[in-house]
Amino acid sequence: MAKYGLIGRDIGYSFSKTFFTTKFEKEERKDSYVNFDIENIGLLPEIVRKHSDLKGLNVTIPYKTEVIPLLDRVDKEAQKIGAVNTIKILADGTLVGYNTDHYGFAKTLSDLLPLKHKTALILGSGGASRAIEYVLKAMEFKYLVVSRGKKEWTLPYSKLTRDVIESHCLIVNCTPLGTYPNILECPKLPYQFLGKNHVLYDLIYNPSESEFLKRGFIQGARVQNGLKMLEFQAKKSWSIWKS
């Protein structure tokens, strides 16, 4: 019997535990999946030490980049992305980091193509957005990163004019805005400039239709939540843990 889990902050909403618990029950496995809701990623070594049967971890907001210095090795792809969402714990206690978010996003994005133009806005500049950047770059999209923070390489929300919105067909929300229970929140976009040529993709999956997606749908945009991406990345995580 092995133990797996999720590390993050305020993760009561997370679907990962339900996904893996259901998987284990269907396959009649005695394995378990636990949420480790922590205030500081520095607690990771203590968690690993206390749970000797722990074989793998998923990592979510806000620790996908902060966790990297605590790992013994990081997969080449995760290094390029600059974020880790999956940790494999070897028999000797070695922690190896991977990223499966990019796999999940790429698999689900392919069902939404083609777009009128291969242009995108990435909302948010955290760990989740880095996997999205990685995929869009590989697919030769032209994209801009939009952020509330004052970073030279990002565009502030105040600069999202009609021209910017209309010239970027894919808009991906990588922020936690709108996650349960704060379901009325959403990124500050001029939604009135959206139309039938847009696809709005929200990494949020709880609620299934976020305020961001609702506003896009009303304007005629196609919409996609993050549930399918989660399922694909979770299956990829499992294949890494069992390899």
Foldseek 3Di string as FASTA:
>chain_A
DAEEEEEEAPCPLPCLQVVVVVVCVVVVHPYHYYYDHDPDLVCVVVVCVVGVRYFKYFYDPPCFQVCVVVAPEEDPVCVQLNGFGMWGQDNVRHTYTYHLLLVLVLVVVVVVDDFPALEEEEEDDGSNSSSVVVNSVVVVGHYAYEYCDDDPRHHHQVPQDLVNQLVGAEYEYPDCFCAPPNQCGDDDHPLLSAAQRHEYEYLHPVPPQGPHNVSNVVRNYHYYYNPSSVVSSSVVSVVVSVD
